[in-house]
Amino acid sequence: MKDLRQKYGDWALITGASAGIGYAFAGYLAKKGMNLILVARRRERLFSLSADLENKYNIQAVPVVLDLTADNFLDELKPVTENREIGLLINNAGYGSAGRFAEGDLDRYTDMIRLNCLAPVRLTHYIVQGMIQRRKGAVIFLGSVTGHYGSPFFSTYSASKAFNIQFGQSLWYELNKFNIDVLVVSPGSTETEFHDLAGFSRALIVLSPEKVVRKTMRVLGRRIEIIIGPENKLLVFFSRLFPGKLILRIKGFAVKYMIRNK
């Protein structure tokens, strides 16, 4: 890929930037010379990351402490972005929870949908207006392997990721004529805080956030979606090959086991 700033512009905006995959994206893009708008809720981590990246790579890194589940989050973000041309948007923020749907907290489910689905829709709609005018840009959506099939005990999360996958794929077609690249990233189990927050144990094969980012950036502009990890590609392949009931029984057994053995 040619120079990222030349291809997309000087600025990237990353949500969920204070940890995990978002943190890895920030480090990767700063090393490539892109200026960053880093969005997350944890102030101390965010300001520390911004200062470190500015000092190490001689770029601008603007921290924005923001709750993307809030109704007015765009009003708070616009003053930071309106005089900066965002060429790369990474919709990374999200969380999940494991357990029986009927026993879960409805407010938590609602916030999950706000963060995983509604926030990327609102943010993408706002940011792509400038990309369309400039006729260049890129948008990355964090999907998940679980978004490719139903996932018992993970019902709301897997549904939210299915939304991101289909939303991103659809926008790839719509925005392609404006020279805007769209990519959906579907990693499997990754070494982040996700498992602890969701309440279940890690899988046997765990990807590093840095590996997810490297593979993502390698195919940006060349593919619609990347499923990271050969074992995850097999899972998605078999989910399409075998009857839905069988896949759901296997998946339900596996998730139930991880919840019990966390």
C-alpha atoms as a PDB file:
ATOM      1  CA  MET A   1       0.000   0.000   0.000  1.00  0.00           C
ATOM      2  CA  LYS A   2       1.284   3.461  -0.822  1.00  0.00           C
ATOM      3  CA  ASP A   3       1.776   6.040   1.905  1.00  0.00           C
ATOM      4  CA  LEU A   4      -1.351   6.193   4.053  1.00  0.00           C
ATOM      5  CA  ARG A   5      -1.374   9.973   4.301  1.00  0.00           C
ATOM      6  CA  GLN A   6      -1.069  10.270   0.544  1.00  0.00           C
ATOM      7  CA  LYS A   7      -3.838   7.755  -0.070  1.00  0.00           C
ATOM      8  CA  TYR A   8      -6.349   8.802   2.593  1.00  0.00           C
ATOM      9  CA  GLY A   9      -5.286  12.044   4.251  1.00  0.00           C
ATOM     10  CA  ASP A  10      -3.447  13.292   7.330  1.00  0.00           C
ATOM     11  CA  TRP A  11      -5.878  12.290  10.079  1.00  0.00           C
ATOM     12  CA  ALA A  12      -7.333   9.052  11.413  1.00  0.00           C
ATOM     13  CA  LEU A  13     -10.081   8.723  14.038  1.00  0.00           C
ATOM     14  CA  ILE A  14     -10.103   5.616  16.224  1.00  0.00           C
ATOM     15  CA  THR A  15     -12.841   4.702  18.693  1.00  0.00           C
ATOM     16  CA  GLY A  16     -12.064   2.482  21.651  1.00  0.00           C
ATOM     17  CA  ALA A  17      -8.458   3.646  21.368  1.00  0.00           C
ATOM     18  CA  SER A  18      -7.317   3.211  24.970  1.00  0.00           C
ATOM     19  CA  ALA A  19      -6.892  -0.576  24.893  1.00  0.00           C
ATOM     20  CA  GLY A  20      -6.808  -3.725  22.772  1.00  0.00           C
ATOM     21  CA  ILE A  21      -7.209  -3.507  19.011  1.00  0.00           C
ATOM     22  CA  GLY A  22      -7.878   0.245  19.091  1.00  0.00           C
ATOM     23  CA  TYR A  23      -4.628   0.797  20.996  1.00  0.00           C
ATOM     24  CA  ALA A  24      -2.764  -1.324  18.442  1.00  0.00           C
ATOM     25  CA  PHE A  25      -4.284   0.646  15.553  1.00  0.00           C
ATOM     26  CA  ALA A  26      -3.116   3.882  17.185  1.00  0.00           C
ATOM     27  CA  GLY A  27       0.459   2.648  17.452  1.00  0.00           C
ATOM     28  CA  TYR A  28       0.507   1.315  13.902  1.00  0.00           C
ATOM     29  CA  LEU A  29      -0.879   4.485  12.315  1.00  0.00           C
ATOM     30  CA  ALA A  30       1.307   6.806  14.389  1.00  0.00           C
ATOM     31  CA  LYS A  31       4.354   4.868  13.198  1.00  0.00           C
ATOM     32  CA  LYS A  32       3.150   5.436   9.615  1.00  0.00           C
ATOM     33  CA  GLY A  33       3.023   9.183  10.277  1.00  0.00           C
ATOM     34  CA  MET A  34      -0.733   9.732  10.548  1.00  0.00           C
ATOM     35  CA  ASN A  35      -2.158  12.254  12.994  1.00  0.00           C
ATOM     36  CA  LEU A  36      -4.754  10.765  15.313  1.00  0.00           C
ATOM     37  CA  ILE A  37      -8.001  11.598  17.050  1.00  0.00           C
ATOM     38  CA  LEU A  38      -8.265   9.028  19.825  1.00  0.00           C
ATOM     39  CA  VAL A  39     -11.697   8.417  21.334  1.00  0.00           C
ATOM     40  CA  ALA A  40     -12.339   6.444  24.521  1.00  0.00           C
ATOM     41  CA  ARG A  41     -13.894   6.827  27.957  1.00  0.00           C
ATOM     42  CA  ARG A  42     -10.844   6.294  30.181  1.00  0.00           C
ATOM     43  CA  ARG A  43      -9.148   9.678  30.510  1.00  0.00           C
ATOM     44  CA  GLU A  44      -5.864   8.650  32.130  1.00  0.00           C
ATOM     45  CA  ARG A  45      -5.113   5.902  29.613  1.00  0.00           C
ATOM     46  CA  LEU A  46      -6.136   8.052  26.680  1.00  0.00           C
ATOM     47  CA  PHE A  47      -4.016  11.071  27.614  1.00  0.00           C
ATOM     48  CA  SER A  48      -1.040   8.850  28.394  1.00  0.00           C
ATOM     49  CA  LEU A  49      -1.319   7.134  25.002  1.00  0.00           C
ATOM     50  CA  SER A  50      -1.637  10.446  23.162  1.00  0.00           C
ATOM     51  CA  ALA A  51       1.453  11.891  24.852  1.00  0.00           C
ATOM     52  CA  ASP A  52       3.494   8.742  24.216  1.00  0.00           C
ATOM     53  CA  LEU A  53       2.624   8.644  20.511  1.00  0.00           C
ATOM     54  CA  GLU A  54       3.336  12.337  20.007  1.00  0.00           C
ATOM     55  CA  ASN A  55       6.735  12.066  21.674  1.00  0.00           C
ATOM     56  CA  LYS A  56       7.745   8.847  19.948  1.00  0.00           C
ATOM     57  CA  TYR A  57       6.549   9.520  16.397  1.00  0.00           C
ATOM     58  CA  ASN A  58       6.379  13.321  16.149  1.00  0.00           C
ATOM     59  CA  ILE A  59       2.711  13.314  15.153  1.00  0.00           C
ATOM     60  CA  GLN A  60      -0.377  15.008  16.567  1.00  0.00           C
ATOM     61  CA  ALA A  61      -2.564  12.823  18.781  1.00  0.00           C
ATOM     62  CA  VAL A  62      -5.726  14.451  20.108  1.00  0.00           C
ATOM     63  CA  PRO A  63      -7.422  12.643  23.021  1.00  0.00           C
ATOM     64  CA  VAL A  64     -11.219  12.882  23.207  1.00  0.00           C
ATOM     65  CA  VAL A  65     -12.856  11.475  26.336  1.00  0.00           C
ATOM     66  CA  LEU A  66     -16.282  10.487  25.117  1.00  0.00           C
ATOM     67  CA  ASP A  67     -19.131   8.091  25.874  1.00  0.00           C
ATOM     68  CA  LEU A  68     -20.368   6.840  22.501  1.00  0.00           C
ATOM     69  CA  THR A  69     -23.594   5.552  24.048  1.00  0.00           C
ATOM     70  CA  ALA A  70     -24.655   9.127  24.872  1.00  0.00           C
ATOM     71  CA  ASP A  71     -27.268  10.743  22.640  1.00  0.00           C
ATOM     72  CA  ASN A  72     -25.199  13.912  22.186  1.00  0.00           C
ATOM     73  CA  PHE A  73     -21.763  12.395  21.539  1.00  0.00           C
ATOM     74  CA  LEU A  74     -21.545  13.888  18.033  1.00  0.00           C
ATOM     75  CA  ASP A  75     -22.131  17.386  19.427  1.00  0.00           C
ATOM     76  CA  GLU A  76     -19.075  16.898  21.653  1.00  0.00           C
ATOM     77  CA  LEU A  77     -16.961  15.411  18.862  1.00  0.00           C
ATOM     78  CA  LYS A  78     -17.705  17.912  16.083  1.00  0.00           C
ATOM     79  CA  PRO A  79     -15.611  20.790  17.485  1.00  0.00           C
ATOM     80  CA  VAL A  80     -12.570  18.476  17.415  1.00  0.00           C
ATOM     81  CA  THR A  81     -13.117  17.128  13.906  1.00  0.00           C
ATOM     82  CA  GLU A  82     -14.647  19.987  11.920  1.00  0.00           C
ATOM     83  CA  ASN A  83     -11.289  21.625  11.063  1.00  0.00           C
ATOM     84  CA  ARG A  84      -9.458  18.347  10.534  1.00  0.00           C
ATOM     85  CA  GLU A  85      -9.899  16.210   7.428  1.00  0.00           C
ATOM     86  CA  ILE A  86     -10.497  12.667   8.663  1.00  0.00           C
ATOM     87  CA  GLY A  87      -9.207  10.295   5.996  1.00  0.00           C
ATOM     88  CA  LEU A  88      -9.443   7.044   7.963  1.00  0.00           C
ATOM     89  CA  LEU A  89     -12.228   6.108  10.391  1.00  0.00           C
ATOM     90  CA  ILE A  90     -11.839   3.009  12.547  1.00  0.00           C
ATOM     91  CA  ASN A  91     -15.071   1.931  14.256  1.00  0.00           C
ATOM     92  CA  ASN A  92     -13.479  -0.247  16.900  1.00  0.00           C
ATOM     93  CA  ALA A  93     -15.298   0.502  20.172  1.00  0.00           C
ATOM     94  CA  GLY A  94     -17.600  -2.236  21.414  1.00  0.00           C
ATOM     95  CA  TYR A  95     -18.225  -4.797  24.103  1.00  0.00           C
ATOM     96  CA  GLY A  96     -20.122  -8.020  24.702  1.00  0.00           C
ATOM     97  CA  SER A  97     -21.626 -10.026  27.528  1.00  0.00           C
ATOM     98  CA  ALA A  98     -22.147 -13.734  27.944  1.00  0.00           C
ATOM     99  CA  GLY A  99     -25.036 -15.521  29.620  1.00  0.00           C
ATOM    100  CA  ARG A 100     -28.663 -16.448  29.173  1.00  0.00           C
ATOM    101  CA  PHE A 101     -30.466 -13.604  27.431  1.00  0.00           C
ATOM    102  CA  ALA A 102     -33.558 -13.679  29.684  1.00  0.00           C
ATOM    103  CA  GLU A 103     -31.390 -13.455  32.798  1.00  0.00           C
ATOM    104  CA  GLY A 104     -29.262 -10.548  31.555  1.00  0.00           C
ATOM    105  CA  ASP A 105     -29.554  -6.850  32.281  1.00  0.00           C
ATOM    106  CA  LEU A 106     -31.714  -5.058  29.709  1.00  0.00           C
ATOM    107  CA  ASP A 107     -29.918  -1.726  30.180  1.00  0.00           C
ATOM    108  CA  ARG A 108     -26.603  -3.411  29.435  1.00  0.00           C
ATOM    109  CA  TYR A 109     -28.042  -4.938  26.257  1.00  0.00           C
ATOM    110  CA  THR A 110     -29.373  -1.538  25.215  1.00  0.00           C
ATOM    111  CA  ASP A 111     -26.033   0.177  25.785  1.00  0.00           C
ATOM    112  CA  MET A 112     -24.304  -2.609  23.865  1.00  0.00           C
ATOM    113  CA  ILE A 113     -26.513  -1.987  20.852  1.00  0.00           C
ATOM    114  CA  ARG A 114     -25.952   1.765  21.158  1.00  0.00           C
ATOM    115  CA  LEU A 115     -22.176   1.310  21.227  1.00  0.00           C
ATOM    116  CA  ASN A 116     -21.766  -1.584  18.789  1.00  0.00           C
ATOM    117  CA  CYS A 117     -24.384  -0.557  16.209  1.00  0.00           C
ATOM    118  CA  LEU A 118     -25.830   2.931  16.600  1.00  0.00           C
ATOM    119  CA  ALA A 119     -22.542   4.731  17.296  1.00  0.00           C
ATOM    120  CA  PRO A 120     -20.812   3.433  14.120  1.00  0.00           C
ATOM    121  CA  VAL A 121     -23.864   4.396  12.035  1.00  0.00           C
ATOM    122  CA  ARG A 122     -23.963   7.943  13.412  1.00  0.00           C
ATOM    123  CA  LEU A 123     -20.211   8.463  13.336  1.00  0.00           C
ATOM    124  CA  THR A 124     -19.756   7.005   9.854  1.00  0.00           C
ATOM    125  CA  HIS A 125     -22.619   9.069   8.426  1.00  0.00           C
ATOM    126  CA  TYR A 126     -20.978  12.222   9.802  1.00  0.00           C
ATOM    127  CA  ILE A 127     -17.381  11.453   8.775  1.00  0.00           C
ATOM    128  CA  VAL A 128     -18.025  10.146   5.250  1.00  0.00           C
ATOM    129  CA  GLN A 129     -19.564  13.460   4.182  1.00  0.00           C
ATOM    130  CA  GLY A 130     -16.081  14.967   4.058  1.00  0.00           C
ATOM    131  CA  MET A 131     -14.602  11.878   2.440  1.00  0.00           C
ATOM    132  CA  ILE A 132     -17.189  12.042  -0.338  1.00  0.00           C
ATOM    133  CA  GLN A 133     -16.360  15.700  -1.005  1.00  0.00           C
ATOM    134  CA  ARG A 134     -12.618  14.949  -1.152  1.00  0.00           C
ATOM    135  CA  ARG A 135     -13.148  11.722  -3.119  1.00  0.00           C
ATOM    136  CA  LYS A 136     -10.885   9.693  -0.862  1.00  0.00           C
ATOM    137  CA  GLY A 137     -10.932   7.972   2.497  1.00  0.00           C
ATOM    138  CA  ALA A 138     -11.397   4.652   4.266  1.00  0.00           C
ATOM    139  CA  VAL A 139     -13.692   3.197   6.926  1.00  0.00           C
ATOM    140  CA  ILE A 140     -12.939   0.078   8.969  1.00  0.00           C
ATOM    141  CA  PHE A 141     -15.597  -1.802  10.953  1.00  0.00           C
ATOM    142  CA  LEU A 142     -14.811  -4.329  13.663  1.00  0.00           C
ATOM    143  CA  GLY A 143     -17.030  -7.307  13.090  1.00  0.00           C
ATOM    144  CA  SER A 144     -16.515 -10.725  14.652  1.00  0.00           C
ATOM    145  CA  VAL A 145     -16.479 -14.364  13.670  1.00  0.00           C
ATOM    146  CA  THR A 146     -19.584 -14.767  15.848  1.00  0.00           C
ATOM    147  CA  GLY A 147     -21.375 -12.297  13.598  1.00  0.00           C
ATOM    148  CA  HIS A 148     -21.437 -14.914  10.854  1.00  0.00           C
ATOM    149  CA  TYR A 149     -23.712 -17.305  12.762  1.00  0.00           C
ATOM    150  CA  GLY A 150     -26.022 -17.323  15.764  1.00  0.00           C
ATOM    151  CA  SER A 151     -24.284 -17.647  19.099  1.00  0.00           C
ATOM    152  CA  PRO A 152     -26.277 -18.944  22.082  1.00  0.00           C
ATOM    153  CA  PHE A 153     -25.427 -17.169  25.361  1.00  0.00           C
ATOM    154  CA  PHE A 154     -23.986 -14.372  23.221  1.00  0.00           C
ATOM    155  CA  SER A 155     -27.171 -13.485  21.401  1.00  0.00           C
ATOM    156  CA  THR A 156     -27.132  -9.680  21.560  1.00  0.00           C
ATOM    157  CA  TYR A 157     -23.410  -9.386  20.883  1.00  0.00           C
ATOM    158  CA  SER A 158     -23.380 -11.758  17.907  1.00  0.00           C
ATOM    159  CA  ALA A 159     -26.414  -9.967  16.457  1.00  0.00           C
ATOM    160  CA  SER A 160     -24.696  -6.596  16.849  1.00  0.00           C
ATOM    161  CA  LYS A 161     -21.650  -7.895  14.996  1.00  0.00           C
ATOM    162  CA  ALA A 162     -23.805  -9.332  12.233  1.00  0.00           C
ATOM    163  CA  PHE A 163     -25.167  -5.801  11.866  1.00  0.00           C
ATOM    164  CA  ASN A 164     -21.642  -4.385  11.523  1.00  0.00           C
ATOM    165  CA  ILE A 165     -20.673  -6.987   8.944  1.00  0.00           C
ATOM    166  CA  GLN A 166     -23.657  -6.352   6.703  1.00  0.00           C
ATOM    167  CA  PHE A 167     -23.537  -2.596   7.234  1.00  0.00           C
ATOM    168  CA  GLY A 168     -19.881  -2.469   6.253  1.00  0.00           C
ATOM    169  CA  GLN A 169     -20.327  -4.728   3.239  1.00  0.00           C
ATOM    170  CA  SER A 170     -23.203  -2.604   1.987  1.00  0.00           C
ATOM    171  CA  LEU A 171     -21.244   0.618   2.395  1.00  0.00           C
ATOM    172  CA  TRP A 172     -18.335  -0.889   0.462  1.00  0.00           C
ATOM    173  CA  TYR A 173     -20.567  -0.892  -2.603  1.00  0.00           C
ATOM    174  CA  GLU A 174     -22.135   2.509  -1.981  1.00  0.00           C
ATOM    175  CA  LEU A 175     -18.894   4.372  -1.237  1.00  0.00           C
ATOM    176  CA  ASN A 176     -16.640   2.665  -3.748  1.00  0.00           C
ATOM    177  CA  LYS A 177     -17.572   5.115  -6.499  1.00  0.00           C
ATOM    178  CA  PHE A 178     -16.278   7.974  -4.314  1.00  0.00           C
ATOM    179  CA  ASN A 179     -12.860   6.282  -3.987  1.00  0.00           C
ATOM    180  CA  ILE A 180     -13.587   5.385  -0.355  1.00  0.00           C
ATOM    181  CA  ASP A 181     -12.350   2.002   0.845  1.00  0.00           C
ATOM    182  CA  VAL A 182     -14.490   0.057   3.328  1.00  0.00           C
ATOM    183  CA  LEU A 183     -13.282  -3.048   5.154  1.00  0.00           C
ATOM    184  CA  VAL A 184     -14.934  -5.305   7.726  1.00  0.00           C
ATOM    185  CA  VAL A 185     -12.524  -7.048  10.103  1.00  0.00           C
ATOM    186  CA  SER A 186     -13.699 -10.284  11.730  1.00  0.00           C
ATOM    187  CA  PRO A 187     -11.136 -11.535  14.217  1.00  0.00           C
ATOM    188  CA  GLY A 188     -11.700 -14.440  16.523  1.00  0.00           C
ATOM    189  CA  SER A 189     -10.568 -14.502  20.138  1.00  0.00           C
ATOM    190  CA  THR A 190      -8.071 -11.673  20.662  1.00  0.00           C
ATOM    191  CA  GLU A 191      -5.841 -10.797  23.632  1.00  0.00           C
ATOM    192  CA  THR A 192      -7.868  -7.845  24.906  1.00  0.00           C
ATOM    193  CA  GLU A 193     -10.044  -6.969  27.909  1.00  0.00           C
ATOM    194  CA  PHE A 194     -13.092  -8.215  26.007  1.00  0.00           C
ATOM    195  CA  HIS A 195     -13.261 -11.668  27.625  1.00  0.00           C
ATOM    196  CA  ASP A 196     -13.009 -10.356  31.180  1.00  0.00           C
ATOM    197  CA  LEU A 197     -15.705  -7.749  30.543  1.00  0.00           C
ATOM    198  CA  ALA A 198     -17.950 -10.244  28.769  1.00  0.00           C
ATOM    199  CA  GLY A 199     -17.579 -12.804  31.546  1.00  0.00           C
ATOM    200  CA  PHE A 200     -16.145 -15.908  29.908  1.00  0.00           C
ATOM    201  CA  SER A 201     -12.784 -17.613  29.472  1.00  0.00           C
ATOM    202  CA  ARG A 202     -10.400 -17.178  26.559  1.00  0.00           C
ATOM    203  CA  ALA A 203     -10.296 -19.610  23.664  1.00  0.00           C
ATOM    204  CA  LEU A 204      -7.343 -21.938  23.138  1.00  0.00           C
ATOM    205  CA  ILE A 205      -6.081 -19.892  20.179  1.00  0.00           C
ATOM    206  CA  VAL A 206      -5.807 -16.177  20.916  1.00  0.00           C
ATOM    207  CA  LEU A 207      -4.636 -13.525  18.458  1.00  0.00           C
ATOM    208  CA  SER A 208      -2.563 -10.513  19.424  1.00  0.00           C
ATOM    209  CA  PRO A 209      -4.124  -7.101  18.666  1.00  0.00           C
ATOM    210  CA  GLU A 210      -0.976  -6.170  16.728  1.00  0.00           C
ATOM    211  CA  LYS A 211      -1.402  -9.158  14.413  1.00  0.00           C
ATOM    212  CA  VAL A 212      -5.035  -8.227  13.792  1.00  0.00           C
ATOM    213  CA  VAL A 213      -4.002  -4.680  12.864  1.00  0.00           C
ATOM    214  CA  ARG A 214      -1.134  -5.739  10.580  1.00  0.00           C
ATOM    215  CA  LYS A 215      -3.329  -8.145   8.647  1.00  0.00           C
ATOM    216  CA  THR A 216      -6.116  -5.568   8.432  1.00  0.00           C
ATOM    217  CA  MET A 217      -3.927  -2.828   7.009  1.00  0.00           C
ATOM    218  CA  ARG A 218      -2.345  -5.251   4.562  1.00  0.00           C
ATOM    219  CA  VAL A 219      -5.669  -5.834   2.796  1.00  0.00           C
ATOM    220  CA  LEU A 220      -7.328  -2.422   3.230  1.00  0.00           C
ATOM    221  CA  GLY A 221      -8.397  -1.225  -0.198  1.00  0.00           C
ATOM    222  CA  ARG A 222      -8.158  -4.704  -1.705  1.00  0.00           C
ATOM    223  CA  ARG A 223     -10.909  -6.667   0.046  1.00  0.00           C
ATOM    224  CA  ILE A 224     -14.377  -6.236   1.525  1.00  0.00           C
ATOM    225  CA  GLU A 225     -13.827  -8.364   4.621  1.00  0.00           C
ATOM    226  CA  ILE A 226     -10.992 -10.176   6.302  1.00  0.00           C
ATOM    227  CA  ILE A 227     -11.539 -13.116   8.648  1.00  0.00           C
ATOM    228  CA  ILE A 228      -8.342 -13.395  10.644  1.00  0.00           C
ATOM    229  CA  GLY A 229      -6.913 -16.781  11.569  1.00  0.00           C
ATOM    230  CA  PRO A 230      -7.222 -20.080   9.652  1.00  0.00           C
ATOM    231  CA  GLU A 231      -9.260 -21.664  12.441  1.00  0.00           C
ATOM    232  CA  ASN A 232     -11.764 -18.793  12.258  1.00  0.00           C
ATOM    233  CA  LYS A 233     -12.029 -19.099   8.488  1.00  0.00           C
ATOM    234  CA  LEU A 234     -12.856 -22.777   8.990  1.00  0.00           C
ATOM    235  CA  LEU A 235     -15.530 -21.937  11.565  1.00  0.00           C
ATOM    236  CA  VAL A 236     -17.234 -19.540   9.163  1.00  0.00           C
ATOM    237  CA  PHE A 237     -16.893 -22.036   6.289  1.00  0.00           C
ATOM    238  CA  PHE A 238     -18.479 -24.871   8.268  1.00  0.00           C
ATOM    239  CA  SER A 239     -21.244 -22.594   9.558  1.00  0.00           C
ATOM    240  CA  ARG A 240     -22.347 -22.181   5.949  1.00  0.00           C
ATOM    241  CA  LEU A 241     -21.841 -25.823   5.051  1.00  0.00           C
ATOM    242  CA  PHE A 242     -23.683 -27.637   7.846  1.00  0.00           C
ATOM    243  CA  PRO A 243     -27.295 -27.308   9.055  1.00  0.00           C
ATOM    244  CA  GLY A 244     -28.006 -24.317  11.252  1.00  0.00           C
ATOM    245  CA  LYS A 245     -29.287 -26.402  14.162  1.00  0.00           C
ATOM    246  CA  LEU A 246     -26.050 -28.386  14.323  1.00  0.00           C
ATOM    247  CA  ILE A 247     -23.913 -25.249  14.329  1.00  0.00           C
ATOM    248  CA  LEU A 248     -26.051 -23.685  17.058  1.00  0.00           C
ATOM    249  CA  ARG A 249     -25.809 -26.817  19.242  1.00  0.00           C
ATOM    250  CA  ILE A 250     -22.031 -26.940  18.872  1.00  0.00           C
ATOM    251  CA  LYS A 251     -21.656 -23.227  19.482  1.00  0.00           C
ATOM    252  CA  GLY A 252     -24.020 -23.311  22.463  1.00  0.00           C
ATOM    253  CA  PHE A 253     -22.072 -26.161  24.067  1.00  0.00           C
ATOM    254  CA  ALA A 254     -18.742 -24.398  23.502  1.00  0.00           C
ATOM    255  CA  VAL A 255     -19.843 -21.041  24.944  1.00  0.00           C
ATOM    256  CA  LYS A 256     -21.526 -22.710  27.924  1.00  0.00           C
ATOM    257  CA  TYR A 257     -18.248 -24.512  28.653  1.00  0.00           C
ATOM    258  CA  MET A 258     -16.237 -21.265  28.512  1.00  0.00           C
ATOM    259  CA  ILE A 259     -18.688 -19.498  30.827  1.00  0.00           C
ATOM    260  CA  ARG A 260     -18.460 -22.297  33.390  1.00  0.00           C
ATOM    261  CA  ASN A 261     -14.667 -22.464  33.226  1.00  0.00           C
ATOM    262  CA  LYS A 262     -13.785 -18.780  33.220  1.00  0.00           C
END
